[in-house]
Amino acid sequence: MKSQESKLLERITFIPGLMGGKPTIRGNRFTVIDILELLSSGMTHEQILEEHPILEADDITAALVFSTKQLRDEYIYE
C-alpha cells in the first residue's frame, strides 16, 4: 500500500510541451507554482477551490508536498 505522500505526489505530472514542462496538477494547465502563488497571495484553500473548480483539495496539498521535497532535494524529476 502506498503512503499518503506517494499518492499525493502522483497528482504532480510532467508532460513535455505542457506549460513548458513545468510540474502540473493531474496533467492540467495548472502548475505547482500557480498554487504556491495563490497561497502566498493570501488566498485560503477554500478560496482557491472556489475560484478554480478544476482543482481538488488534495491538489493543493500535493503542490505543498512536492515543493517541500524539491527544496529538500528529496524528489528527482523523472
PDB file of N, CA and C in Angstrom:
ATOM      1  N   MET A   1       0.846  -1.184   0.000  1.00  0.00           N
ATOM      2  CA  MET A   1       0.000   0.000   0.000  1.00  0.00           C
ATOM      3  C   MET A   1       0.892   1.248   0.000  1.00  0.00           C
ATOM      4  N   LYS A   2       0.564   2.172  -0.858  1.00  0.00           N
ATOM      5  CA  LYS A   2       1.366   3.386  -0.967  1.00  0.00           C
ATOM      6  C   LYS A   2       1.056   4.332   0.176  1.00  0.00           C
ATOM      7  N   SER A   3       2.083   5.047   0.561  1.00  0.00           N
ATOM      8  CA  SER A   3       1.866   6.036   1.605  1.00  0.00           C
ATOM      9  C   SER A   3       1.017   7.181   1.057  1.00  0.00           C
ATOM     10  N   GLN A   4       0.416   7.912   1.958  1.00  0.00           N
ATOM     11  CA  GLN A   4      -0.409   9.074   1.570  1.00  0.00           C
ATOM     12  C   GLN A   4       0.418  10.067   0.767  1.00  0.00           C
ATOM     13  N   GLU A   5       1.667  10.257   1.171  1.00  0.00           N
ATOM     14  CA  GLU A   5       2.535  11.195   0.470  1.00  0.00           C
ATOM     15  C   GLU A   5       2.768  10.745  -0.973  1.00  0.00           C
ATOM     16  N   SER A   6       3.000   9.467  -1.173  1.00  0.00           N
ATOM     17  CA  SER A   6       3.206   8.939  -2.524  1.00  0.00           C
ATOM     18  C   SER A   6       1.967   9.123  -3.385  1.00  0.00           C
ATOM     19  N   LYS A   7       0.816   8.894  -2.795  1.00  0.00           N
ATOM     20  CA  LYS A   7      -0.437   9.079  -3.534  1.00  0.00           C
ATOM     21  C   LYS A   7      -0.618  10.542  -3.938  1.00  0.00           C
ATOM     22  N   LEU A   8      -0.273  11.442  -3.034  1.00  0.00           N
ATOM     23  CA  LEU A   8      -0.374  12.865  -3.355  1.00  0.00           C
ATOM     24  C   LEU A   8       0.574  13.231  -4.488  1.00  0.00           C
ATOM     25  N   LEU A   9       1.793  12.708  -4.457  1.00  0.00           N
ATOM     26  CA  LEU A   9       2.778  13.054  -5.475  1.00  0.00           C
ATOM     27  C   LEU A   9       2.397  12.521  -6.852  1.00  0.00           C
ATOM     28  N   GLU A  10       1.537  11.521  -6.912  1.00  0.00           N
ATOM     29  CA  GLU A  10       1.050  11.026  -8.207  1.00  0.00           C
ATOM     30  C   GLU A  10       0.226  12.085  -8.930  1.00  0.00           C
ATOM     31  N   ARG A  11      -0.270  13.055  -8.208  1.00  0.00           N
ATOM     32  CA  ARG A  11      -1.053  14.143  -8.806  1.00  0.00           C
ATOM     33  C   ARG A  11      -0.167  15.130  -9.569  1.00  0.00           C
ATOM     34  N   ILE A  12       1.129  15.110  -9.295  1.00  0.00           N
ATOM     35  CA  ILE A  12       2.062  16.018  -9.954  1.00  0.00           C
ATOM     36  C   ILE A  12       2.558  15.334 -11.228  1.00  0.00           C
ATOM     37  N   THR A  13       2.352  16.015 -12.351  1.00  0.00           N
ATOM     38  CA  THR A  13       2.714  15.422 -13.634  1.00  0.00           C
ATOM     39  C   THR A  13       3.703  16.305 -14.382  1.00  0.00           C
ATOM     40  N   PHE A  14       4.507  15.646 -15.192  1.00  0.00           N
ATOM     41  CA  PHE A  14       5.475  16.319 -16.054  1.00  0.00           C
ATOM     42  C   PHE A  14       5.184  15.876 -17.477  1.00  0.00           C
ATOM     43  N   ILE A  15       4.697  16.788 -18.280  1.00  0.00           N
ATOM     44  CA  ILE A  15       4.347  16.465 -19.659  1.00  0.00           C
ATOM     45  C   ILE A  15       5.119  17.423 -20.573  1.00  0.00           C
ATOM     46  N   PRO A  16       6.061  16.869 -21.351  1.00  0.00           N
ATOM     47  CA  PRO A  16       6.814  17.739 -22.262  1.00  0.00           C
ATOM     48  C   PRO A  16       5.857  18.533 -23.153  1.00  0.00           C
ATOM     49  N   GLY A  17       6.124  19.794 -23.277  1.00  0.00           N
ATOM     50  CA  GLY A  17       5.293  20.654 -24.118  1.00  0.00           C
ATOM     51  C   GLY A  17       4.108  21.278 -23.396  1.00  0.00           C
ATOM     52  N   LEU A  18       3.730  20.741 -22.254  1.00  0.00           N
ATOM     53  CA  LEU A  18       2.626  21.318 -21.486  1.00  0.00           C
ATOM     54  C   LEU A  18       3.209  22.248 -20.434  1.00  0.00           C
ATOM     55  N   MET A  19       2.879  23.511 -20.537  1.00  0.00           N
ATOM     56  CA  MET A  19       3.337  24.524 -19.588  1.00  0.00           C
ATOM     57  C   MET A  19       4.864  24.533 -19.484  1.00  0.00           C
ATOM     58  N   GLY A  20       5.503  24.336 -20.616  1.00  0.00           N
ATOM     59  CA  GLY A  20       6.963  24.376 -20.660  1.00  0.00           C
ATOM     60  C   GLY A  20       7.634  23.242 -19.903  1.00  0.00           C
ATOM     61  N   GLY A  21       6.903  22.149 -19.680  1.00  0.00           N
ATOM     62  CA  GLY A  21       7.469  21.017 -18.963  1.00  0.00           C
ATOM     63  C   GLY A  21       7.501  21.188 -17.461  1.00  0.00           C
ATOM     64  N   LYS A  22       6.909  22.276 -16.970  1.00  0.00           N
ATOM     65  CA  LYS A  22       6.862  22.512 -15.523  1.00  0.00           C
ATOM     66  C   LYS A  22       5.931  21.487 -14.870  1.00  0.00           C
ATOM     67  N   PRO A  23       6.127  21.222 -13.582  1.00  0.00           N
ATOM     68  CA  PRO A  23       5.238  20.292 -12.897  1.00  0.00           C
ATOM     69  C   PRO A  23       3.813  20.850 -12.847  1.00  0.00           C
ATOM     70  N   THR A  24       2.878  20.037 -13.302  1.00  0.00           N
ATOM     71  CA  THR A  24       1.478  20.439 -13.344  1.00  0.00           C
ATOM     72  C   THR A  24       0.638  19.528 -12.448  1.00  0.00           C
ATOM     73  N   ILE A  25      -0.587  19.937 -12.271  1.00  0.00           N
ATOM     74  CA  ILE A  25      -1.520  19.182 -11.449  1.00  0.00           C
ATOM     75  C   ILE A  25      -2.380  18.290 -12.349  1.00  0.00           C
ATOM     76  N   ARG A  26      -2.229  17.000 -12.180  1.00  0.00           N
ATOM     77  CA  ARG A  26      -3.024  15.985 -12.888  1.00  0.00           C
ATOM     78  C   ARG A  26      -3.104  16.226 -14.397  1.00  0.00           C
ATOM     79  N   GLY A  27      -2.011  16.688 -14.993  1.00  0.00           N
ATOM     80  CA  GLY A  27      -1.976  16.869 -16.434  1.00  0.00           C
ATOM     81  C   GLY A  27      -2.765  18.050 -16.946  1.00  0.00           C
ATOM     82  N   ASN A  28      -3.239  18.883 -16.055  1.00  0.00           N
ATOM     83  CA  ASN A  28      -3.982  20.081 -16.446  1.00  0.00           C
ATOM     84  C   ASN A  28      -3.029  21.247 -16.659  1.00  0.00           C
ATOM     85  N   ARG A  29      -3.540  22.312 -17.187  1.00  0.00           N
ATOM     86  CA  ARG A  29      -2.721  23.506 -17.418  1.00  0.00           C
ATOM     87  C   ARG A  29      -2.676  24.367 -16.146  1.00  0.00           C
ATOM     88  N   PHE A  30      -2.433  23.729 -15.045  1.00  0.00           N
ATOM     89  CA  PHE A  30      -2.342  24.393 -13.745  1.00  0.00           C
ATOM     90  C   PHE A  30      -1.059  23.889 -13.097  1.00  0.00           C
ATOM     91  N   THR A  31      -0.094  24.779 -12.896  1.00  0.00           N
ATOM     92  CA  THR A  31       1.203  24.357 -12.375  1.00  0.00           C
ATOM     93  C   THR A  31       1.265  24.414 -10.848  1.00  0.00           C
ATOM     94  N   VAL A  32       2.268  23.725 -10.333  1.00  0.00           N
ATOM     95  CA  VAL A  32       2.533  23.765  -8.895  1.00  0.00           C
ATOM     96  C   VAL A  32       2.778  25.211  -8.467  1.00  0.00           C
ATOM     97  N   ILE A  33       3.552  25.936  -9.264  1.00  0.00           N
ATOM     98  CA  ILE A  33       3.859  27.322  -8.907  1.00  0.00           C
ATOM     99  C   ILE A  33       2.594  28.180  -8.877  1.00  0.00           C
ATOM    100  N   ASP A  34       1.627  27.882  -9.736  1.00  0.00           N
ATOM    101  CA  ASP A  34       0.357  28.618  -9.696  1.00  0.00           C
ATOM    102  C   ASP A  34      -0.290  28.492  -8.322  1.00  0.00           C
ATOM    103  N   ILE A  35      -0.301  27.290  -7.800  1.00  0.00           N
ATOM    104  CA  ILE A  35      -0.909  27.062  -6.481  1.00  0.00           C
ATOM    105  C   ILE A  35      -0.118  27.789  -5.401  1.00  0.00           C
ATOM    106  N   LEU A  36       1.196  27.704  -5.470  1.00  0.00           N
ATOM    107  CA  LEU A  36       2.018  28.391  -4.470  1.00  0.00           C
ATOM    108  C   LEU A  36       1.814  29.897  -4.513  1.00  0.00           C
ATOM    109  N   GLU A  37       1.696  30.442  -5.700  1.00  0.00           N
ATOM    110  CA  GLU A  37       1.468  31.888  -5.815  1.00  0.00           C
ATOM    111  C   GLU A  37       0.114  32.291  -5.238  1.00  0.00           C
ATOM    112  N   LEU A  38      -0.903  31.465  -5.464  1.00  0.00           N
ATOM    113  CA  LEU A  38      -2.222  31.768  -4.898  1.00  0.00           C
ATOM    114  C   LEU A  38      -2.169  31.742  -3.371  1.00  0.00           C
ATOM    115  N   LEU A  39      -1.494  30.732  -2.823  1.00  0.00           N
ATOM    116  CA  LEU A  39      -1.366  30.647  -1.372  1.00  0.00           C
ATOM    117  C   LEU A  39      -0.563  31.818  -0.822  1.00  0.00           C
ATOM    118  N   SER A  40       0.507  32.176  -1.500  1.00  0.00           N
ATOM    119  CA  SER A  40       1.339  33.271  -0.986  1.00  0.00           C
ATOM    120  C   SER A  40       0.654  34.629  -1.121  1.00  0.00           C
ATOM    121  N   SER A  41      -0.352  34.701  -1.976  1.00  0.00           N
ATOM    122  CA  SER A  41      -1.106  35.958  -2.103  1.00  0.00           C
ATOM    123  C   SER A  41      -2.102  36.117  -0.959  1.00  0.00           C
ATOM    124  N   GLY A  42      -2.239  35.063  -0.155  1.00  0.00           N
ATOM    125  CA  GLY A  42      -3.138  35.139   0.988  1.00  0.00           C
ATOM    126  C   GLY A  42      -4.443  34.387   0.819  1.00  0.00           C
ATOM    127  N   MET A  43      -4.635  33.766  -0.333  1.00  0.00           N
ATOM    128  CA  MET A  43      -5.873  33.015  -0.541  1.00  0.00           C
ATOM    129  C   MET A  43      -5.881  31.768   0.337  1.00  0.00           C
ATOM    130  N   THR A  44      -7.048  31.425   0.855  1.00  0.00           N
ATOM    131  CA  THR A  44      -7.200  30.196   1.621  1.00  0.00           C
ATOM    132  C   THR A  44      -7.426  29.037   0.658  1.00  0.00           C
ATOM    133  N   HIS A  45      -7.292  27.831   1.184  1.00  0.00           N
ATOM    134  CA  HIS A  45      -7.573  26.647   0.360  1.00  0.00           C
ATOM    135  C   HIS A  45      -8.991  26.731  -0.193  1.00  0.00           C
ATOM    136  N   GLU A  46      -9.912  27.115   0.643  1.00  0.00           N
ATOM    137  CA  GLU A  46     -11.314  27.193   0.230  1.00  0.00           C
ATOM    138  C   GLU A  46     -11.512  28.206  -0.897  1.00  0.00           C
ATOM    139  N   GLN A  47     -10.859  29.351  -0.788  1.00  0.00           N
ATOM    140  CA  GLN A  47     -10.974  30.372  -1.836  1.00  0.00           C
ATOM    141  C   GLN A  47     -10.390  29.872  -3.155  1.00  0.00           C
ATOM    142  N   ILE A  48      -9.266  29.192  -3.072  1.00  0.00           N
ATOM    143  CA  ILE A  48      -8.637  28.657  -4.283  1.00  0.00           C
ATOM    144  C   ILE A  48      -9.561  27.648  -4.953  1.00  0.00           C
ATOM    145  N   LEU A  49     -10.125  26.751  -4.167  1.00  0.00           N
ATOM    146  CA  LEU A  49     -11.003  25.721  -4.723  1.00  0.00           C
ATOM    147  C   LEU A  49     -12.276  26.322  -5.310  1.00  0.00           C
ATOM    148  N   GLU A  50     -12.777  27.362  -4.683  1.00  0.00           N
ATOM    149  CA  GLU A  50     -13.981  28.018  -5.187  1.00  0.00           C
ATOM    150  C   GLU A  50     -13.698  28.751  -6.501  1.00  0.00           C
ATOM    151  N   GLU A  51     -12.562  29.401  -6.569  1.00  0.00           N
ATOM    152  CA  GLU A  51     -12.209  30.183  -7.753  1.00  0.00           C
ATOM    153  C   GLU A  51     -11.706  29.315  -8.913  1.00  0.00           C
ATOM    154  N   HIS A  52     -11.181  28.154  -8.591  1.00  0.00           N
ATOM    155  CA  HIS A  52     -10.610  27.255  -9.603  1.00  0.00           C
ATOM    156  C   HIS A  52     -11.204  25.851  -9.431  1.00  0.00           C
ATOM    157  N   PRO A  53     -12.421  25.641  -9.910  1.00  0.00           N
ATOM    158  CA  PRO A  53     -13.114  24.365  -9.681  1.00  0.00           C
ATOM    159  C   PRO A  53     -12.432  23.150 -10.297  1.00  0.00           C
ATOM    160  N   ILE A  54     -11.450  23.352 -11.175  1.00  0.00           N
ATOM    161  CA  ILE A  54     -10.712  22.223 -11.736  1.00  0.00           C
ATOM    162  C   ILE A  54      -9.836  21.557 -10.670  1.00  0.00           C
ATOM    163  N   LEU A  55      -9.515  22.322  -9.619  1.00  0.00           N
ATOM    164  CA  LEU A  55      -8.657  21.808  -8.552  1.00  0.00           C
ATOM    165  C   LEU A  55      -9.453  21.068  -7.493  1.00  0.00           C
ATOM    166  N   GLU A  56      -8.765  20.147  -6.842  1.00  0.00           N
ATOM    167  CA  GLU A  56      -9.315  19.414  -5.699  1.00  0.00           C
ATOM    168  C   GLU A  56      -8.434  19.724  -4.487  1.00  0.00           C
ATOM    169  N   ALA A  57      -8.966  19.506  -3.311  1.00  0.00           N
ATOM    170  CA  ALA A  57      -8.226  19.821  -2.086  1.00  0.00           C
ATOM    171  C   ALA A  57      -6.870  19.115  -2.046  1.00  0.00           C
ATOM    172  N   ASP A  58      -6.829  17.858  -2.467  1.00  0.00           N
ATOM    173  CA  ASP A  58      -5.565  17.124  -2.456  1.00  0.00           C
ATOM    174  C   ASP A  58      -4.550  17.701  -3.436  1.00  0.00           C
ATOM    175  N   ASP A  59      -4.993  18.420  -4.452  1.00  0.00           N
ATOM    176  CA  ASP A  59      -4.062  19.050  -5.388  1.00  0.00           C
ATOM    177  C   ASP A  59      -3.222  20.111  -4.676  1.00  0.00           C
ATOM    178  N   ILE A  60      -3.862  20.858  -3.807  1.00  0.00           N
ATOM    179  CA  ILE A  60      -3.148  21.898  -3.063  1.00  0.00           C
ATOM    180  C   ILE A  60      -2.129  21.249  -2.128  1.00  0.00           C
ATOM    181  N   THR A  61      -2.552  20.214  -1.436  1.00  0.00           N
ATOM    182  CA  THR A  61      -1.638  19.501  -0.543  1.00  0.00           C
ATOM    183  C   THR A  61      -0.493  18.882  -1.329  1.00  0.00           C
ATOM    184  N   ALA A  62      -0.801  18.324  -2.491  1.00  0.00           N
ATOM    185  CA  ALA A  62       0.241  17.715  -3.328  1.00  0.00           C
ATOM    186  C   ALA A  62       1.271  18.749  -3.753  1.00  0.00           C
ATOM    187  N   ALA A  63       0.813  19.942  -4.113  1.00  0.00           N
ATOM    188  CA  ALA A  63       1.739  21.001  -4.516  1.00  0.00           C
ATOM    189  C   ALA A  63       2.664  21.372  -3.359  1.00  0.00           C
ATOM    190  N   LEU A  64       2.138  21.409  -2.158  1.00  0.00           N
ATOM    191  CA  LEU A  64       2.955  21.735  -0.986  1.00  0.00           C
ATOM    192  C   LEU A  64       3.953  20.619  -0.674  1.00  0.00           C
ATOM    193  N   VAL A  65       3.509  19.374  -0.753  1.00  0.00           N
ATOM    194  CA  VAL A  65       4.407  18.239  -0.503  1.00  0.00           C
ATOM    195  C   VAL A  65       5.523  18.223  -1.540  1.00  0.00           C
ATOM    196  N   PHE A  66       5.145  18.377  -2.807  1.00  0.00           N
ATOM    197  CA  PHE A  66       6.132  18.381  -3.886  1.00  0.00           C
ATOM    198  C   PHE A  66       7.160  19.491  -3.681  1.00  0.00           C
ATOM    199  N   SER A  67       6.697  20.685  -3.379  1.00  0.00           N
ATOM    200  CA  SER A  67       7.593  21.823  -3.197  1.00  0.00           C
ATOM    201  C   SER A  67       8.536  21.607  -2.027  1.00  0.00           C
ATOM    202  N   THR A  68       8.037  21.060  -0.956  1.00  0.00           N
ATOM    203  CA  THR A  68       8.866  20.771   0.210  1.00  0.00           C
ATOM    204  C   THR A  68       9.952  19.783  -0.151  1.00  0.00           C
ATOM    205  N   LYS A  69       9.584  18.728  -0.862  1.00  0.00           N
ATOM    206  CA  LYS A  69      10.569  17.732  -1.264  1.00  0.00           C
ATOM    207  C   LYS A  69      11.600  18.319  -2.220  1.00  0.00           C
ATOM    208  N   GLN A  70      11.164  19.173  -3.112  1.00  0.00           N
ATOM    209  CA  GLN A  70      12.106  19.811  -4.033  1.00  0.00           C
ATOM    210  C   GLN A  70      13.129  20.643  -3.267  1.00  0.00           C
ATOM    211  N   LEU A  71      12.656  21.380  -2.293  1.00  0.00           N
ATOM    212  CA  LEU A  71      13.561  22.222  -1.514  1.00  0.00           C
ATOM    213  C   LEU A  71      14.516  21.401  -0.660  1.00  0.00           C
ATOM    214  N   ARG A  72      14.088  20.204  -0.291  1.00  0.00           N
ATOM    215  CA  ARG A  72      14.954  19.310   0.484  1.00  0.00           C
ATOM    216  C   ARG A  72      15.776  18.404  -0.422  1.00  0.00           C
ATOM    217  N   ASP A  73      15.625  18.551  -1.721  1.00  0.00           N
ATOM    218  CA  ASP A  73      16.311  17.720  -2.707  1.00  0.00           C
ATOM    219  C   ASP A  73      15.987  16.236  -2.533  1.00  0.00           C
ATOM    220  N   GLU A  74      14.760  15.940  -2.115  1.00  0.00           N
ATOM    221  CA  GLU A  74      14.354  14.550  -1.935  1.00  0.00           C
ATOM    222  C   GLU A  74      13.648  13.995  -3.164  1.00  0.00           C
ATOM    223  N   TYR A  75      13.198  14.852  -4.033  1.00  0.00           N
ATOM    224  CA  TYR A  75      12.427  14.404  -5.180  1.00  0.00           C
ATOM    225  C   TYR A  75      13.184  14.746  -6.446  1.00  0.00           C
ATOM    226  N   ILE A  76      13.346  13.784  -7.303  1.00  0.00           N
ATOM    227  CA  ILE A  76      14.082  13.997  -8.536  1.00  0.00           C
ATOM    228  C   ILE A  76      13.094  13.941  -9.700  1.00  0.00           C
ATOM    229  N   TYR A  77      13.196  14.911 -10.585  1.00  0.00           N
ATOM    230  CA  TYR A  77      12.334  14.922 -11.771  1.00  0.00           C
ATOM    231  C   TYR A  77      12.531  13.633 -12.555  1.00  0.00           C
ATOM    232  N   GLU A  78      11.442  13.080 -12.990  1.00  0.00           N
ATOM    233  CA  GLU A  78      11.506  11.849 -13.786  1.00  0.00           C
ATOM    234  C   GLU A  78      11.416  12.147 -15.242  1.00  0.00           C
TER     235      GLU A  78
END
